[in-house]
Amino acid sequence: MMKTNDGQNTPKSMTTRAAARPGWFWRPVRILRFALFYAWELLLSNLRIAHDILTPRHRFRPGIVRVAVPELTDRQMLVLNNLITMTPGTLSLDFSADRRTMYLHCMYIDDPERLRRDVLDSFVCRIREIF
């Protein structure tokens, strides 16, 4: 409710509420952009695994990688954990007790530093953008 000049309470208009929450208009666009990014990631990881299975030479280089993540809310951590686990070839194992480090099992570790950067740049930044 909003007070007018004569002291009466009136409901806030839709534009007033929209102006109170900056960026509300762009949120669906960010979610759609993230969904397209994640669909692309799923496609690439499925193709990589299918190629590796169908060819005689296996290129698996499995291992566990520690990724330092910035401070995330519980909801952001849940989304990050689930999205990484649902991507073929990766599995989120655990978060450290201080919730600043994530442990991942990956089937293809060519460069651990690049993998860490990819998780932070691709997933963490985009998840924070949505929330």
N, C-alpha and C. Protein backbone atom coordinates (compact mmCIF):
# COMPACT_ATOMS: atom_id res chain seq x y z
N MET A 1 0.84 -1.18 0.00
CA MET A 1 0.00 0.00 0.00
C MET A 1 0.88 1.24 0.00
N MET A 2 0.36 2.26 -0.62
CA MET A 2 1.09 3.49 -0.77
C MET A 2 0.20 4.63 -0.28
N LYS A 3 0.76 5.60 0.45
CA LYS A 3 -0.03 6.73 0.92
C LYS A 3 -0.02 7.82 -0.14
N THR A 4 -1.20 8.37 -0.37
CA THR A 4 -1.32 9.49 -1.30
C THR A 4 -1.18 10.79 -0.53
N ASN A 5 -1.26 11.90 -1.23
CA ASN A 5 -1.12 13.21 -0.58
C ASN A 5 -2.22 13.47 0.45
N ASP A 6 -3.40 12.88 0.25
CA ASP A 6 -4.48 13.11 1.20
C ASP A 6 -4.45 12.11 2.36
N GLY A 7 -3.41 11.26 2.45
CA GLY A 7 -3.24 10.37 3.58
C GLY A 7 -3.91 9.03 3.44
N GLN A 8 -4.58 8.75 2.33
CA GLN A 8 -5.26 7.49 2.15
C GLN A 8 -4.30 6.45 1.57
N ASN A 9 -4.52 5.19 1.96
CA ASN A 9 -3.71 4.09 1.43
C ASN A 9 -4.30 3.61 0.11
N THR A 10 -3.45 3.49 -0.89
CA THR A 10 -3.87 2.95 -2.18
C THR A 10 -2.90 1.86 -2.58
N PRO A 11 -3.38 0.86 -3.32
CA PRO A 11 -2.46 -0.21 -3.75
C PRO A 11 -1.42 0.33 -4.72
N LYS A 12 -0.22 -0.26 -4.65
CA LYS A 12 0.85 0.14 -5.56
C LYS A 12 0.50 -0.28 -6.97
N SER A 13 0.85 0.55 -7.90
CA SER A 13 0.62 0.20 -9.30
C SER A 13 1.66 -0.81 -9.74
N MET A 14 1.37 -1.45 -10.85
CA MET A 14 2.28 -2.46 -11.38
C MET A 14 3.64 -1.85 -11.75
N THR A 15 3.64 -0.65 -12.27
CA THR A 15 4.91 -0.01 -12.65
C THR A 15 5.72 0.36 -11.43
N THR A 16 5.04 0.73 -10.34
CA THR A 16 5.77 1.06 -9.12
C THR A 16 6.43 -0.18 -8.55
N ARG A 17 5.69 -1.32 -8.56
CA ARG A 17 6.28 -2.56 -8.06
C ARG A 17 7.43 -3.01 -8.96
N ALA A 18 7.29 -2.85 -10.26
CA ALA A 18 8.34 -3.25 -11.19
C ALA A 18 9.57 -2.41 -11.00
N ALA A 19 9.39 -1.12 -10.75
CA ALA A 19 10.54 -0.24 -10.55
C ALA A 19 11.25 -0.57 -9.25
N ALA A 20 10.54 -1.12 -8.28
CA ALA A 20 11.14 -1.47 -7.00
C ALA A 20 12.09 -2.66 -7.13
N ARG A 21 11.88 -3.51 -8.13
CA ARG A 21 12.73 -4.68 -8.34
C ARG A 21 13.44 -4.54 -9.68
N PRO A 22 14.63 -3.97 -9.68
CA PRO A 22 15.32 -3.78 -10.95
C PRO A 22 15.71 -5.12 -11.57
N GLY A 23 15.61 -5.19 -12.87
CA GLY A 23 16.01 -6.39 -13.58
C GLY A 23 14.96 -7.47 -13.66
N TRP A 24 13.77 -7.23 -13.17
CA TRP A 24 12.73 -8.26 -13.19
C TRP A 24 12.36 -8.64 -14.61
N PHE A 25 12.44 -7.69 -15.52
CA PHE A 25 12.08 -7.95 -16.91
C PHE A 25 13.08 -8.89 -17.58
N TRP A 26 14.35 -8.79 -17.21
CA TRP A 26 15.41 -9.56 -17.87
C TRP A 26 15.57 -10.96 -17.31
N ARG A 27 14.96 -11.25 -16.19
CA ARG A 27 15.13 -12.56 -15.57
C ARG A 27 14.68 -13.71 -16.47
N PRO A 28 13.51 -13.65 -17.10
CA PRO A 28 13.13 -14.75 -18.02
C PRO A 28 14.11 -14.89 -19.19
N VAL A 29 14.64 -13.78 -19.65
CA VAL A 29 15.62 -13.83 -20.73
C VAL A 29 16.88 -14.55 -20.26
N ARG A 30 17.34 -14.24 -19.05
CA ARG A 30 18.53 -14.91 -18.49
C ARG A 30 18.27 -16.40 -18.29
N ILE A 31 17.07 -16.75 -17.84
CA ILE A 31 16.74 -18.16 -17.63
C ILE A 31 16.72 -18.89 -18.97
N LEU A 32 16.14 -18.29 -19.98
CA LEU A 32 16.12 -18.89 -21.32
C LEU A 32 17.53 -19.05 -21.87
N ARG A 33 18.34 -18.02 -21.69
CA ARG A 33 19.74 -18.09 -22.15
C ARG A 33 20.49 -19.21 -21.43
N PHE A 34 20.24 -19.36 -20.13
CA PHE A 34 20.89 -20.43 -19.37
C PHE A 34 20.39 -21.80 -19.83
N ALA A 35 19.10 -21.92 -20.11
CA ALA A 35 18.55 -23.19 -20.58
C ALA A 35 19.18 -23.58 -21.92
N LEU A 36 19.35 -22.63 -22.80
CA LEU A 36 20.00 -22.91 -24.09
C LEU A 36 21.47 -23.30 -23.89
N PHE A 37 22.16 -22.60 -23.00
CA PHE A 37 23.55 -22.94 -22.69
C PHE A 37 23.63 -24.37 -22.15
N TYR A 38 22.74 -24.71 -21.22
CA TYR A 38 22.79 -26.04 -20.61
C TYR A 38 22.43 -27.13 -21.61
N ALA A 39 21.47 -26.86 -22.49
CA ALA A 39 21.13 -27.82 -23.54
C ALA A 39 22.33 -28.07 -24.45
N TRP A 40 23.07 -27.02 -24.76
CA TRP A 40 24.28 -27.15 -25.58
C TRP A 40 25.34 -27.99 -24.85
N GLU A 41 25.51 -27.73 -23.55
CA GLU A 41 26.47 -28.51 -22.76
C GLU A 41 26.08 -29.99 -22.73
N LEU A 42 24.80 -30.26 -22.57
CA LEU A 42 24.32 -31.65 -22.57
C LEU A 42 24.60 -32.33 -23.91
N LEU A 43 24.34 -31.62 -24.98
CA LEU A 43 24.59 -32.17 -26.32
C LEU A 43 26.07 -32.48 -26.51
N LEU A 44 26.93 -31.53 -26.17
CA LEU A 44 28.37 -31.75 -26.34
C LEU A 44 28.88 -32.91 -25.50
N SER A 45 28.46 -32.99 -24.25
CA SER A 45 28.95 -34.07 -23.39
C SER A 45 28.41 -35.43 -23.84
N ASN A 46 27.17 -35.47 -24.30
CA ASN A 46 26.64 -36.73 -24.83
C ASN A 46 27.38 -37.18 -26.08
N LEU A 47 27.68 -36.23 -26.96
CA LEU A 47 28.42 -36.57 -28.18
C LEU A 47 29.83 -37.06 -27.86
N ARG A 48 30.47 -36.44 -26.88
CA ARG A 48 31.82 -36.86 -26.51
C ARG A 48 31.82 -38.28 -25.95
N ILE A 49 30.87 -38.58 -25.10
CA ILE A 49 30.79 -39.92 -24.52
C ILE A 49 30.41 -40.95 -25.58
N ALA A 50 29.44 -40.61 -26.44
CA ALA A 50 29.04 -41.53 -27.50
C ALA A 50 30.21 -41.82 -28.45
N HIS A 51 30.95 -40.79 -28.79
CA HIS A 51 32.13 -40.98 -29.66
C HIS A 51 33.15 -41.89 -28.99
N ASP A 52 33.36 -41.68 -27.72
CA ASP A 52 34.35 -42.49 -27.00
C ASP A 52 33.90 -43.94 -26.89
N ILE A 53 32.61 -44.17 -26.74
CA ILE A 53 32.10 -45.54 -26.64
C ILE A 53 32.15 -46.25 -27.98
N LEU A 54 31.82 -45.53 -29.04
CA LEU A 54 31.73 -46.15 -30.36
C LEU A 54 33.08 -46.35 -31.06
N THR A 55 34.09 -45.66 -30.63
CA THR A 55 35.42 -45.83 -31.24
C THR A 55 36.21 -46.85 -30.44
N PRO A 56 37.15 -47.55 -31.09
CA PRO A 56 37.91 -48.59 -30.39
C PRO A 56 38.86 -48.05 -29.31
N ARG A 57 39.37 -46.86 -29.50
CA ARG A 57 40.32 -46.29 -28.54
C ARG A 57 39.56 -45.42 -27.53
N HIS A 58 39.71 -45.73 -26.26
CA HIS A 58 39.04 -44.94 -25.23
C HIS A 58 39.92 -43.78 -24.80
N ARG A 59 39.29 -42.65 -24.60
CA ARG A 59 40.01 -41.43 -24.22
C ARG A 59 39.68 -41.00 -22.78
N PHE A 60 39.17 -41.92 -21.99
CA PHE A 60 38.84 -41.60 -20.61
C PHE A 60 40.09 -41.16 -19.86
N ARG A 61 39.97 -40.11 -19.11
CA ARG A 61 41.01 -39.66 -18.19
C ARG A 61 40.29 -39.25 -16.91
N PRO A 62 39.73 -40.20 -16.18
CA PRO A 62 38.91 -39.86 -15.02
C PRO A 62 39.75 -39.35 -13.85
N GLY A 63 39.10 -38.61 -13.01
CA GLY A 63 39.75 -38.11 -11.82
C GLY A 63 38.82 -37.23 -11.01
N ILE A 64 39.30 -36.84 -9.85
CA ILE A 64 38.55 -35.96 -8.96
C ILE A 64 39.24 -34.61 -8.93
N VAL A 65 38.45 -33.57 -9.10
CA VAL A 65 38.97 -32.21 -9.15
C VAL A 65 38.33 -31.39 -8.04
N ARG A 66 39.15 -30.59 -7.40
CA ARG A 66 38.65 -29.68 -6.37
C ARG A 66 38.46 -28.31 -7.01
N VAL A 67 37.25 -27.77 -6.88
CA VAL A 67 36.93 -26.46 -7.46
C VAL A 67 36.54 -25.51 -6.33
N ALA A 68 37.28 -24.42 -6.22
CA ALA A 68 36.94 -23.40 -5.23
C ALA A 68 35.80 -22.56 -5.79
N VAL A 69 34.67 -22.58 -5.11
CA VAL A 69 33.50 -21.83 -5.57
C VAL A 69 33.29 -20.62 -4.67
N PRO A 70 32.80 -19.52 -5.24
CA PRO A 70 32.51 -18.37 -4.39
C PRO A 70 31.33 -18.67 -3.48
N GLU A 71 31.08 -17.79 -2.56
CA GLU A 71 29.99 -18.00 -1.62
C GLU A 71 28.67 -18.05 -2.38
N LEU A 72 27.94 -19.14 -2.19
CA LEU A 72 26.66 -19.34 -2.85
C LEU A 72 25.57 -19.58 -1.81
N THR A 73 24.36 -19.25 -2.17
CA THR A 73 23.23 -19.55 -1.29
C THR A 73 22.94 -21.05 -1.37
N ASP A 74 22.11 -21.53 -0.47
CA ASP A 74 21.75 -22.95 -0.49
C ASP A 74 21.08 -23.33 -1.81
N ARG A 75 20.19 -22.48 -2.28
CA ARG A 75 19.50 -22.76 -3.53
C ARG A 75 20.48 -22.79 -4.72
N GLN A 76 21.41 -21.87 -4.75
CA GLN A 76 22.40 -21.84 -5.83
C GLN A 76 23.29 -23.08 -5.79
N MET A 77 23.67 -23.50 -4.58
CA MET A 77 24.49 -24.71 -4.45
C MET A 77 23.72 -25.94 -4.92
N LEU A 78 22.44 -26.01 -4.59
CA LEU A 78 21.61 -27.13 -5.01
C LEU A 78 21.50 -27.19 -6.53
N VAL A 79 21.26 -26.05 -7.16
CA VAL A 79 21.15 -26.01 -8.62
C VAL A 79 22.47 -26.37 -9.27
N LEU A 80 23.57 -25.83 -8.77
CA LEU A 80 24.90 -26.14 -9.31
C LEU A 80 25.19 -27.63 -9.18
N ASN A 81 24.94 -28.18 -8.02
CA ASN A 81 25.16 -29.60 -7.76
C ASN A 81 24.35 -30.48 -8.72
N ASN A 82 23.08 -30.18 -8.87
CA ASN A 82 22.22 -30.99 -9.73
C ASN A 82 22.58 -30.86 -11.21
N LEU A 83 22.87 -29.66 -11.66
CA LEU A 83 23.20 -29.46 -13.07
C LEU A 83 24.50 -30.16 -13.45
N ILE A 84 25.48 -30.10 -12.59
CA ILE A 84 26.75 -30.77 -12.88
C ILE A 84 26.55 -32.28 -12.86
N THR A 85 25.78 -32.78 -11.92
CA THR A 85 25.55 -34.22 -11.84
C THR A 85 24.75 -34.73 -13.03
N MET A 86 23.81 -33.93 -13.54
CA MET A 86 22.99 -34.35 -14.67
C MET A 86 23.75 -34.28 -16.00
N THR A 87 24.87 -33.60 -16.03
CA THR A 87 25.66 -33.53 -17.25
C THR A 87 26.47 -34.82 -17.37
N PRO A 88 26.32 -35.56 -18.47
CA PRO A 88 27.05 -36.82 -18.62
C PRO A 88 28.57 -36.61 -18.55
N GLY A 89 29.21 -37.48 -17.80
CA GLY A 89 30.66 -37.41 -17.67
C GLY A 89 31.13 -36.67 -16.44
N THR A 90 30.22 -36.06 -15.70
CA THR A 90 30.60 -35.35 -14.48
C THR A 90 29.68 -35.76 -13.35
N LEU A 91 30.21 -35.68 -12.15
CA LEU A 91 29.43 -36.02 -10.96
C LEU A 91 29.92 -35.16 -9.82
N SER A 92 29.00 -34.47 -9.18
CA SER A 92 29.34 -33.68 -8.01
C SER A 92 29.40 -34.61 -6.81
N LEU A 93 30.55 -34.66 -6.16
CA LEU A 93 30.72 -35.57 -5.04
C LEU A 93 30.33 -34.95 -3.71
N ASP A 94 30.85 -33.76 -3.43
CA ASP A 94 30.64 -33.18 -2.11
C ASP A 94 31.07 -31.72 -2.11
N PHE A 95 30.59 -31.00 -1.10
CA PHE A 95 31.08 -29.67 -0.79
C PHE A 95 31.87 -29.77 0.51
N SER A 96 32.85 -28.93 0.67
CA SER A 96 33.62 -28.93 1.91
C SER A 96 32.75 -28.40 3.05
N ALA A 97 33.22 -28.55 4.26
CA ALA A 97 32.44 -28.13 5.43
C ALA A 97 32.18 -26.63 5.42
N ASP A 98 33.13 -25.84 4.91
CA ASP A 98 32.94 -24.39 4.86
C ASP A 98 32.16 -23.94 3.62
N ARG A 99 31.76 -24.90 2.77
CA ARG A 99 30.94 -24.66 1.58
C ARG A 99 31.61 -23.77 0.55
N ARG A 100 32.93 -23.77 0.53
CA ARG A 100 33.66 -22.94 -0.44
C ARG A 100 34.42 -23.78 -1.45
N THR A 101 34.39 -25.10 -1.28
CA THR A 101 35.09 -25.99 -2.20
C THR A 101 34.15 -27.12 -2.60
N MET A 102 34.15 -27.40 -3.91
CA MET A 102 33.32 -28.46 -4.46
C MET A 102 34.22 -29.53 -5.05
N TYR A 103 33.89 -30.78 -4.82
CA TYR A 103 34.67 -31.89 -5.37
C TYR A 103 33.87 -32.54 -6.50
N LEU A 104 34.49 -32.65 -7.65
CA LEU A 104 33.84 -33.21 -8.84
C LEU A 104 34.60 -34.42 -9.33
N HIS A 105 33.87 -35.42 -9.77
CA HIS A 105 34.47 -36.54 -10.49
C HIS A 105 34.15 -36.32 -11.95
N CYS A 106 35.18 -36.32 -12.78
CA CYS A 106 35.02 -36.09 -14.22
C CYS A 106 35.64 -37.23 -14.98
N MET A 107 34.99 -37.61 -16.08
CA MET A 107 35.52 -38.69 -16.91
C MET A 107 36.66 -38.23 -17.80
N TYR A 108 36.66 -36.95 -18.15
CA TYR A 108 37.67 -36.42 -19.06
C TYR A 108 38.35 -35.22 -18.41
N ILE A 109 39.53 -35.45 -17.89
CA ILE A 109 40.30 -34.35 -17.30
C ILE A 109 41.56 -34.18 -18.14
N ASP A 110 41.45 -33.30 -19.12
CA ASP A 110 42.62 -32.99 -19.93
C ASP A 110 43.47 -31.93 -19.24
N ASP A 111 42.80 -30.92 -18.70
CA ASP A 111 43.47 -29.82 -18.03
C ASP A 111 42.63 -29.43 -16.81
N PRO A 112 43.07 -29.77 -15.59
CA PRO A 112 42.27 -29.48 -14.40
C PRO A 112 41.99 -27.99 -14.19
N GLU A 113 42.95 -27.13 -14.53
CA GLU A 113 42.74 -25.69 -14.36
C GLU A 113 41.66 -25.18 -15.30
N ARG A 114 41.66 -25.68 -16.52
CA ARG A 114 40.64 -25.28 -17.49
C ARG A 114 39.27 -25.76 -17.03
N LEU A 115 39.20 -26.96 -16.48
CA LEU A 115 37.94 -27.49 -15.97
C LEU A 115 37.42 -26.62 -14.84
N ARG A 116 38.29 -26.21 -13.94
CA ARG A 116 37.88 -25.32 -12.84
C ARG A 116 37.33 -24.01 -13.38
N ARG A 117 38.05 -23.41 -14.34
CA ARG A 117 37.60 -22.15 -14.94
C ARG A 117 36.26 -22.33 -15.65
N ASP A 118 36.10 -23.44 -16.35
CA ASP A 118 34.85 -23.69 -17.06
C ASP A 118 33.67 -23.80 -16.09
N VAL A 119 33.87 -24.49 -14.99
CA VAL A 119 32.79 -24.62 -14.00
C VAL A 119 32.44 -23.25 -13.43
N LEU A 120 33.46 -22.47 -13.08
CA LEU A 120 33.20 -21.16 -12.50
C LEU A 120 32.59 -20.20 -13.51
N ASP A 121 33.16 -20.14 -14.71
CA ASP A 121 32.67 -19.20 -15.72
C ASP A 121 31.34 -19.63 -16.32
N SER A 122 31.20 -20.90 -16.58
CA SER A 122 30.00 -21.37 -17.26
C SER A 122 28.83 -21.56 -16.31
N PHE A 123 29.05 -22.29 -15.25
CA PHE A 123 27.92 -22.64 -14.38
C PHE A 123 27.70 -21.63 -13.26
N VAL A 124 28.72 -21.37 -12.47
CA VAL A 124 28.54 -20.54 -11.27
C VAL A 124 28.10 -19.12 -11.64
N CYS A 125 28.77 -18.50 -12.59
CA CYS A 125 28.40 -17.13 -12.97
C CYS A 125 26.99 -17.07 -13.52
N ARG A 126 26.62 -18.03 -14.32
CA ARG A 126 25.28 -18.03 -14.92
C ARG A 126 24.20 -18.33 -13.87
N ILE A 127 24.50 -19.20 -12.92
CA ILE A 127 23.53 -19.48 -11.86
C ILE A 127 23.33 -18.25 -10.99
N ARG A 128 24.41 -17.56 -10.68
CA ARG A 128 24.29 -16.33 -9.89
C ARG A 128 23.49 -15.27 -10.64
N GLU A 129 23.66 -15.25 -11.96
CA GLU A 129 22.94 -14.29 -12.79
C GLU A 129 21.43 -14.53 -12.74
N ILE A 130 21.04 -15.80 -12.68
CA ILE A 130 19.62 -16.14 -12.64
C ILE A 130 19.01 -15.78 -11.30
N PHE A 131 19.72 -16.06 -10.22
CA PHE A 131 19.19 -15.79 -8.88
C PHE A 131 19.54 -14.40 -8.46
